[in-house]
Structure formats: C-alpha cells, structure tokens
Amino acid sequence: MAERTITEILESLARIETNVKTIAQNGADHEERLRALEQKSGKRYEALTLSLLSAALVGVAGYIIGKLF
C-alpha cells in the first residue's frame, strides 16, 4: 500500500514538473510578444516625429531659397 502511494506521488510530481516546464516556456514566449507590442507604438511615434521634423526643415529651407531668388 505504501509503495503504491509513493508511486502515485512520484507520477503526480512528474506530471507537475512537465506542466511547470510548459508554463515557463509559454510564459517566455508571451513575454517576448508583449515586449514587441510595447515597442511598436514607440517606433510609430519616432517615425511620426521624424516626418514632422523633416517637413518643417524642408519648409524652412524652401522659404529661405524662395527669398534668395
């Protein structure tokens, strides 16, 4: 009886260990995905800022060239 109980406990521990490993792997994958999503909005903001700054510089340069000629 005691051997049977110990065997059942060991089998349960093996299943738990497998589940914990699976959860850890999935958690790492989810963390990578979340970081990628968090960085997307930052990249979009940077692109928008660069576009606005470029447009402003081109406008200023055009104005100066227009006054010279």
PDB file of N, CA and C in Angstrom:
ATOM      1  N   MET A   1       0.820  -1.199   0.000  1.00  0.00           N
ATOM      2  CA  MET A   1       0.000   0.000   0.000  1.00  0.00           C
ATOM      3  C   MET A   1       0.858   1.255   0.000  1.00  0.00           C
ATOM      4  N   ALA A   2       1.898   1.276   0.833  1.00  0.00           N
ATOM      5  CA  ALA A   2       2.759   2.450   0.920  1.00  0.00           C
ATOM      6  C   ALA A   2       3.520   2.655  -0.386  1.00  0.00           C
ATOM      7  N   GLU A   3       3.961   1.544  -1.002  1.00  0.00           N
ATOM      8  CA  GLU A   3       4.684   1.649  -2.271  1.00  0.00           C
ATOM      9  C   GLU A   3       3.773   2.215  -3.356  1.00  0.00           C
ATOM     10  N   ARG A   4       2.528   1.811  -3.339  1.00  0.00           N
ATOM     11  CA  ARG A   4       1.564   2.297  -4.323  1.00  0.00           C
ATOM     12  C   ARG A   4       1.355   3.808  -4.165  1.00  0.00           C
ATOM     13  N   THR A   5       1.237   4.259  -2.938  1.00  0.00           N
ATOM     14  CA  THR A   5       1.045   5.681  -2.668  1.00  0.00           C
ATOM     15  C   THR A   5       2.273   6.485  -3.113  1.00  0.00           C
ATOM     16  N   ILE A   6       3.461   5.959  -2.822  1.00  0.00           N
ATOM     17  CA  ILE A   6       4.684   6.646  -3.222  1.00  0.00           C
ATOM     18  C   ILE A   6       4.781   6.714  -4.744  1.00  0.00           C
ATOM     19  N   THR A   7       4.418   5.630  -5.410  1.00  0.00           N
ATOM     20  CA  THR A   7       4.438   5.602  -6.870  1.00  0.00           C
ATOM     21  C   THR A   7       3.471   6.631  -7.446  1.00  0.00           C
ATOM     22  N   GLU A   8       2.288   6.715  -6.870  1.00  0.00           N
ATOM     23  CA  GLU A   8       1.299   7.699  -7.325  1.00  0.00           C
ATOM     24  C   GLU A   8       1.818   9.128  -7.118  1.00  0.00           C
ATOM     25  N   ILE A   9       2.454   9.370  -5.998  1.00  0.00           N
ATOM     26  CA  ILE A   9       3.001  10.692  -5.710  1.00  0.00           C
ATOM     27  C   ILE A   9       4.102  11.032  -6.710  1.00  0.00           C
ATOM     28  N   LEU A  10       4.981  10.082  -6.992  1.00  0.00           N
ATOM     29  CA  LEU A  10       6.060  10.318  -7.951  1.00  0.00           C
ATOM     30  C   LEU A  10       5.511  10.584  -9.352  1.00  0.00           C
ATOM     31  N   GLU A  11       4.476   9.861  -9.735  1.00  0.00           N
ATOM     32  CA  GLU A  11       3.857  10.101 -11.041  1.00  0.00           C
ATOM     33  C   GLU A  11       3.220  11.491 -11.091  1.00  0.00           C
ATOM     34  N   SER A  12       2.582  11.869 -10.017  1.00  0.00           N
ATOM     35  CA  SER A  12       1.973  13.200  -9.949  1.00  0.00           C
ATOM     36  C   SER A  12       3.042  14.287 -10.022  1.00  0.00           C
ATOM     37  N   LEU A  13       4.144  14.077  -9.323  1.00  0.00           N
ATOM     38  CA  LEU A  13       5.234  15.052  -9.372  1.00  0.00           C
ATOM     39  C   LEU A  13       5.812  15.170 -10.777  1.00  0.00           C
ATOM     40  N   ALA A  14       5.916  14.058 -11.476  1.00  0.00           N
ATOM     41  CA  ALA A  14       6.429  14.090 -12.853  1.00  0.00           C
ATOM     42  C   ALA A  14       5.498  14.891 -13.748  1.00  0.00           C
ATOM     43  N   ARG A  15       4.182  14.707 -13.580  1.00  0.00           N
ATOM     44  CA  ARG A  15       3.210  15.470 -14.368  1.00  0.00           C
ATOM     45  C   ARG A  15       3.279  16.957 -14.024  1.00  0.00           C
ATOM     46  N   ILE A  16       3.413  17.253 -12.761  1.00  0.00           N
ATOM     47  CA  ILE A  16       3.512  18.654 -12.327  1.00  0.00           C
ATOM     48  C   ILE A  16       4.762  19.293 -12.909  1.00  0.00           C
ATOM     49  N   GLU A  17       5.874  18.575 -12.887  1.00  0.00           N
ATOM     50  CA  GLU A  17       7.127  19.105 -13.436  1.00  0.00           C
ATOM     51  C   GLU A  17       6.978  19.400 -14.924  1.00  0.00           C
ATOM     52  N   THR A  18       6.325  18.509 -15.645  1.00  0.00           N
ATOM     53  CA  THR A  18       6.094  18.725 -17.078  1.00  0.00           C
ATOM     54  C   THR A  18       5.222  19.951 -17.297  1.00  0.00           C
ATOM     55  N   ASN A  19       4.185  20.097 -16.490  1.00  0.00           N
ATOM     56  CA  ASN A  19       3.302  21.262 -16.621  1.00  0.00           C
ATOM     57  C   ASN A  19       4.032  22.564 -16.308  1.00  0.00           C
ATOM     58  N   VAL A  20       4.868  22.548 -15.302  1.00  0.00           N
ATOM     59  CA  VAL A  20       5.615  23.748 -14.932  1.00  0.00           C
ATOM     60  C   VAL A  20       6.575  24.144 -16.055  1.00  0.00           C
ATOM     61  N   LYS A  21       7.240  23.167 -16.667  1.00  0.00           N
ATOM     62  CA  LYS A  21       8.147  23.456 -17.778  1.00  0.00           C
ATOM     63  C   LYS A  21       7.381  24.062 -18.946  1.00  0.00           C
ATOM     64  N   THR A  22       6.217  23.507 -19.249  1.00  0.00           N
ATOM     65  CA  THR A  22       5.399  24.024 -20.348  1.00  0.00           C
ATOM     66  C   THR A  22       4.959  25.451 -20.067  1.00  0.00           C
ATOM     67  N   ILE A  23       4.530  25.718 -18.863  1.00  0.00           N
ATOM     68  CA  ILE A  23       4.082  27.059 -18.483  1.00  0.00           C
ATOM     69  C   ILE A  23       5.247  28.041 -18.572  1.00  0.00           C
ATOM     70  N   ALA A  24       6.424  27.633 -18.145  1.00  0.00           N
ATOM     71  CA  ALA A  24       7.594  28.514 -18.204  1.00  0.00           C
ATOM     72  C   ALA A  24       7.947  28.844 -19.650  1.00  0.00           C
ATOM     73  N   GLN A  25       7.887  27.862 -20.540  1.00  0.00           N
ATOM     74  CA  GLN A  25       8.192  28.104 -21.947  1.00  0.00           C
ATOM     75  C   GLN A  25       7.160  29.037 -22.569  1.00  0.00           C
ATOM     76  N   ASN A  26       5.897  28.800 -22.296  1.00  0.00           N
ATOM     77  CA  ASN A  26       4.840  29.655 -22.836  1.00  0.00           C
ATOM     78  C   ASN A  26       4.931  31.066 -22.267  1.00  0.00           C
ATOM     79  N   GLY A  27       5.296  31.183 -21.011  1.00  0.00           N
ATOM     80  CA  GLY A  27       5.440  32.492 -20.383  1.00  0.00           C
ATOM     81  C   GLY A  27       6.539  33.307 -21.039  1.00  0.00           C
ATOM     82  N   ALA A  28       7.643  32.661 -21.375  1.00  0.00           N
ATOM     83  CA  ALA A  28       8.740  33.366 -22.046  1.00  0.00           C
ATOM     84  C   ALA A  28       8.297  33.845 -23.421  1.00  0.00           C
ATOM     85  N   ASP A  29       7.546  33.013 -24.123  1.00  0.00           N
ATOM     86  CA  ASP A  29       7.051  33.392 -25.452  1.00  0.00           C
ATOM     87  C   ASP A  29       6.092  34.571 -25.346  1.00  0.00           C
ATOM     88  N   HIS A  30       5.222  34.544 -24.375  1.00  0.00           N
ATOM     89  CA  HIS A  30       4.273  35.648 -24.193  1.00  0.00           C
ATOM     90  C   HIS A  30       4.996  36.938 -23.821  1.00  0.00           C
ATOM     91  N   GLU A  31       6.033  36.812 -23.021  1.00  0.00           N
ATOM     92  CA  GLU A  31       6.794  38.000 -22.623  1.00  0.00           C
ATOM     93  C   GLU A  31       7.455  38.644 -23.843  1.00  0.00           C
ATOM     94  N   GLU A  32       8.008  37.830 -24.741  1.00  0.00           N
ATOM     95  CA  GLU A  32       8.618  38.364 -25.958  1.00  0.00           C
ATOM     96  C   GLU A  32       7.577  39.079 -26.815  1.00  0.00           C
ATOM     97  N   ARG A  33       6.402  38.490 -26.939  1.00  0.00           N
ATOM     98  CA  ARG A  33       5.340  39.103 -27.735  1.00  0.00           C
ATOM     99  C   ARG A  33       4.889  40.427 -27.140  1.00  0.00           C
ATOM    100  N   LEU A  34       4.764  40.476 -25.827  1.00  0.00           N
ATOM    101  CA  LEU A  34       4.347  41.722 -25.168  1.00  0.00           C
ATOM    102  C   LEU A  34       5.386  42.821 -25.365  1.00  0.00           C
ATOM    103  N   ARG A  35       6.655  42.473 -25.257  1.00  0.00           N
ATOM    104  CA  ARG A  35       7.709  43.470 -25.469  1.00  0.00           C
ATOM    105  C   ARG A  35       7.672  44.004 -26.892  1.00  0.00           C
ATOM    106  N   ALA A  36       7.419  43.136 -27.865  1.00  0.00           N
ATOM    107  CA  ALA A  36       7.333  43.576 -29.260  1.00  0.00           C
ATOM    108  C   ALA A  36       6.159  44.532 -29.451  1.00  0.00           C
ATOM    109  N   LEU A  37       5.027  44.227 -28.828  1.00  0.00           N
ATOM    110  CA  LEU A  37       3.865  45.110 -28.939  1.00  0.00           C
ATOM    111  C   LEU A  37       4.115  46.453 -28.254  1.00  0.00           C
ATOM    112  N   GLU A  38       4.793  46.433 -27.136  1.00  0.00           N
ATOM    113  CA  GLU A  38       5.087  47.675 -26.430  1.00  0.00           C
ATOM    114  C   GLU A  38       6.010  48.568 -27.249  1.00  0.00           C
ATOM    115  N   GLN A  39       6.904  47.995 -28.010  1.00  0.00           N
ATOM    116  CA  GLN A  39       7.865  48.771 -28.785  1.00  0.00           C
ATOM    117  C   GLN A  39       7.259  49.318 -30.070  1.00  0.00           C
ATOM    118  N   LYS A  40       6.183  48.719 -30.548  1.00  0.00           N
ATOM    119  CA  LYS A  40       5.572  49.174 -31.795  1.00  0.00           C
ATOM    120  C   LYS A  40       5.111  50.622 -31.712  1.00  0.00           C
ATOM    121  N   SER A  41       4.414  50.984 -30.655  1.00  0.00           N
ATOM    122  CA  SER A  41       3.909  52.354 -30.549  1.00  0.00           C
ATOM    123  C   SER A  41       5.064  53.339 -30.444  1.00  0.00           C
ATOM    124  N   GLY A  42       6.135  52.982 -29.798  1.00  0.00           N
ATOM    125  CA  GLY A  42       7.302  53.850 -29.707  1.00  0.00           C
ATOM    126  C   GLY A  42       7.935  54.075 -31.066  1.00  0.00           C
ATOM    127  N   LYS A  43       8.012  53.018 -31.858  1.00  0.00           N
ATOM    128  CA  LYS A  43       8.582  53.145 -33.199  1.00  0.00           C
ATOM    129  C   LYS A  43       7.699  54.026 -34.079  1.00  0.00           C
ATOM    130  N   ARG A  44       6.404  53.893 -33.945  1.00  0.00           N
ATOM    131  CA  ARG A  44       5.485  54.721 -34.728  1.00  0.00           C
ATOM    132  C   ARG A  44       5.614  56.185 -34.340  1.00  0.00           C
ATOM    133  N   TYR A  45       5.749  56.443 -33.057  1.00  0.00           N
ATOM    134  CA  TYR A  45       5.910  57.818 -32.578  1.00  0.00           C
ATOM    135  C   TYR A  45       7.207  58.416 -33.120  1.00  0.00           C
ATOM    136  N   GLU A  46       8.271  57.631 -33.113  1.00  0.00           N
ATOM    137  CA  GLU A  46       9.548  58.106 -33.644  1.00  0.00           C
ATOM    138  C   GLU A  46       9.435  58.421 -35.131  1.00  0.00           C
ATOM    139  N   ALA A  47       8.751  57.562 -35.888  1.00  0.00           N
ATOM    140  CA  ALA A  47       8.584  57.792 -37.330  1.00  0.00           C
ATOM    141  C   ALA A  47       7.768  59.054 -37.583  1.00  0.00           C
ATOM    142  N   LEU A  48       6.718  59.261 -36.795  1.00  0.00           N
ATOM    143  CA  LEU A  48       5.890  60.461 -36.943  1.00  0.00           C
ATOM    144  C   LEU A  48       6.699  61.717 -36.625  1.00  0.00           C
ATOM    145  N   THR A  49       7.472  61.673 -35.563  1.00  0.00           N
ATOM    146  CA  THR A  49       8.296  62.813 -35.180  1.00  0.00           C
ATOM    147  C   THR A  49       9.317  63.131 -36.266  1.00  0.00           C
ATOM    148  N   LEU A  50       9.946  62.095 -36.808  1.00  0.00           N
ATOM    149  CA  LEU A  50      10.922  62.300 -37.880  1.00  0.00           C
ATOM    150  C   LEU A  50      10.264  62.917 -39.109  1.00  0.00           C
ATOM    151  N   SER A  51       9.073  62.467 -39.450  1.00  0.00           N
ATOM    152  CA  SER A  51       8.363  63.018 -40.607  1.00  0.00           C
ATOM    153  C   SER A  51       8.012  64.490 -40.397  1.00  0.00           C
ATOM    154  N   LEU A  52       7.515  64.827 -39.228  1.00  0.00           N
ATOM    155  CA  LEU A  52       7.166  66.223 -38.940  1.00  0.00           C
ATOM    156  C   LEU A  52       8.393  67.126 -38.941  1.00  0.00           C
ATOM    157  N   LEU A  53       9.480  66.638 -38.358  1.00  0.00           N
ATOM    158  CA  LEU A  53      10.711  67.418 -38.329  1.00  0.00           C
ATOM    159  C   LEU A  53      11.259  67.622 -39.744  1.00  0.00           C
ATOM    160  N   SER A  54      11.231  66.593 -40.554  1.00  0.00           N
ATOM    161  CA  SER A  54      11.696  66.700 -41.942  1.00  0.00           C
ATOM    162  C   SER A  54      10.845  67.690 -42.723  1.00  0.00           C
ATOM    163  N   ALA A  55       9.532  67.626 -42.551  1.00  0.00           N
ATOM    164  CA  ALA A  55       8.641  68.556 -43.254  1.00  0.00           C
ATOM    165  C   ALA A  55       8.922  69.997 -42.835  1.00  0.00           C
ATOM    166  N   ALA A  56       9.153  70.209 -41.561  1.00  0.00           N
ATOM    167  CA  ALA A  56       9.440  71.563 -41.076  1.00  0.00           C
ATOM    168  C   ALA A  56      10.759  72.075 -41.643  1.00  0.00           C
ATOM    169  N   LEU A  57      11.783  71.235 -41.678  1.00  0.00           N
ATOM    170  CA  LEU A  57      13.077  71.659 -42.224  1.00  0.00           C
ATOM    171  C   LEU A  57      12.995  71.945 -43.713  1.00  0.00           C
ATOM    172  N   VAL A  58      12.261  71.126 -44.440  1.00  0.00           N
ATOM    173  CA  VAL A  58      12.086  71.365 -45.876  1.00  0.00           C
ATOM    174  C   VAL A  58      11.327  72.671 -46.093  1.00  0.00           C
ATOM    175  N   GLY A  59      10.338  72.943 -45.282  1.00  0.00           N
ATOM    176  CA  GLY A  59       9.586  74.193 -45.388  1.00  0.00           C
ATOM    177  C   GLY A  59      10.458  75.402 -45.133  1.00  0.00           C
ATOM    178  N   VAL A  60      11.282  75.343 -44.113  1.00  0.00           N
ATOM    179  CA  VAL A  60      12.186  76.448 -43.790  1.00  0.00           C
ATOM    180  C   VAL A  60      13.206  76.635 -44.907  1.00  0.00           C
ATOM    181  N   ALA A  61      13.766  75.542 -45.393  1.00  0.00           N
ATOM    182  CA  ALA A  61      14.738  75.625 -46.488  1.00  0.00           C
ATOM    183  C   ALA A  61      14.087  76.199 -47.738  1.00  0.00           C
ATOM    184  N   GLY A  62      12.878  75.807 -48.049  1.00  0.00           N
ATOM    185  CA  GLY A  62      12.153  76.339 -49.209  1.00  0.00           C
ATOM    186  C   GLY A  62      11.884  77.818 -49.067  1.00  0.00           C
ATOM    187  N   TYR A  63      11.526  78.239 -47.886  1.00  0.00           N
ATOM    188  CA  TYR A  63      11.264  79.653 -47.630  1.00  0.00           C
ATOM    189  C   TYR A  63      12.538  80.483 -47.835  1.00  0.00           C
ATOM    190  N   ILE A  64      13.643  79.996 -47.296  1.00  0.00           N
ATOM    191  CA  ILE A  64      14.931  80.716 -47.444  1.00  0.00           C
ATOM    192  C   ILE A  64      15.353  80.773 -48.898  1.00  0.00           C
ATOM    193  N   ILE A  65      15.259  79.691 -49.619  1.00  0.00           N
ATOM    194  CA  ILE A  65      15.621  79.678 -51.035  1.00  0.00           C
ATOM    195  C   ILE A  65      14.713  80.604 -51.826  1.00  0.00           C
ATOM    196  N   GLY A  66      13.427  80.620 -51.492  1.00  0.00           N
ATOM    197  CA  GLY A  66      12.489  81.498 -52.155  1.00  0.00           C
ATOM    198  C   GLY A  66      12.827  82.975 -51.952  1.00  0.00           C
ATOM    199  N   LYS A  67      13.309  83.346 -50.786  1.00  0.00           N
ATOM    200  CA  LYS A  67      13.686  84.744 -50.504  1.00  0.00           C
ATOM    201  C   LYS A  67      14.981  85.130 -51.203  1.00  0.00           C
ATOM    202  N   LEU A  68      15.859  84.159 -51.408  1.00  0.00           N
ATOM    203  CA  LEU A  68      17.142  84.454 -52.055  1.00  0.00           C
ATOM    204  C   LEU A  68      16.985  84.722 -53.538  1.00  0.00           C
ATOM    205  N   PHE A  69      16.047  84.044 -54.194  1.00  0.00           N
ATOM    206  CA  PHE A  69      15.909  84.195 -55.637  1.00  0.00           C
ATOM    207  C   PHE A  69      14.635  84.892 -55.902  1.00  0.00           C
TER     208      PHE A  69
END
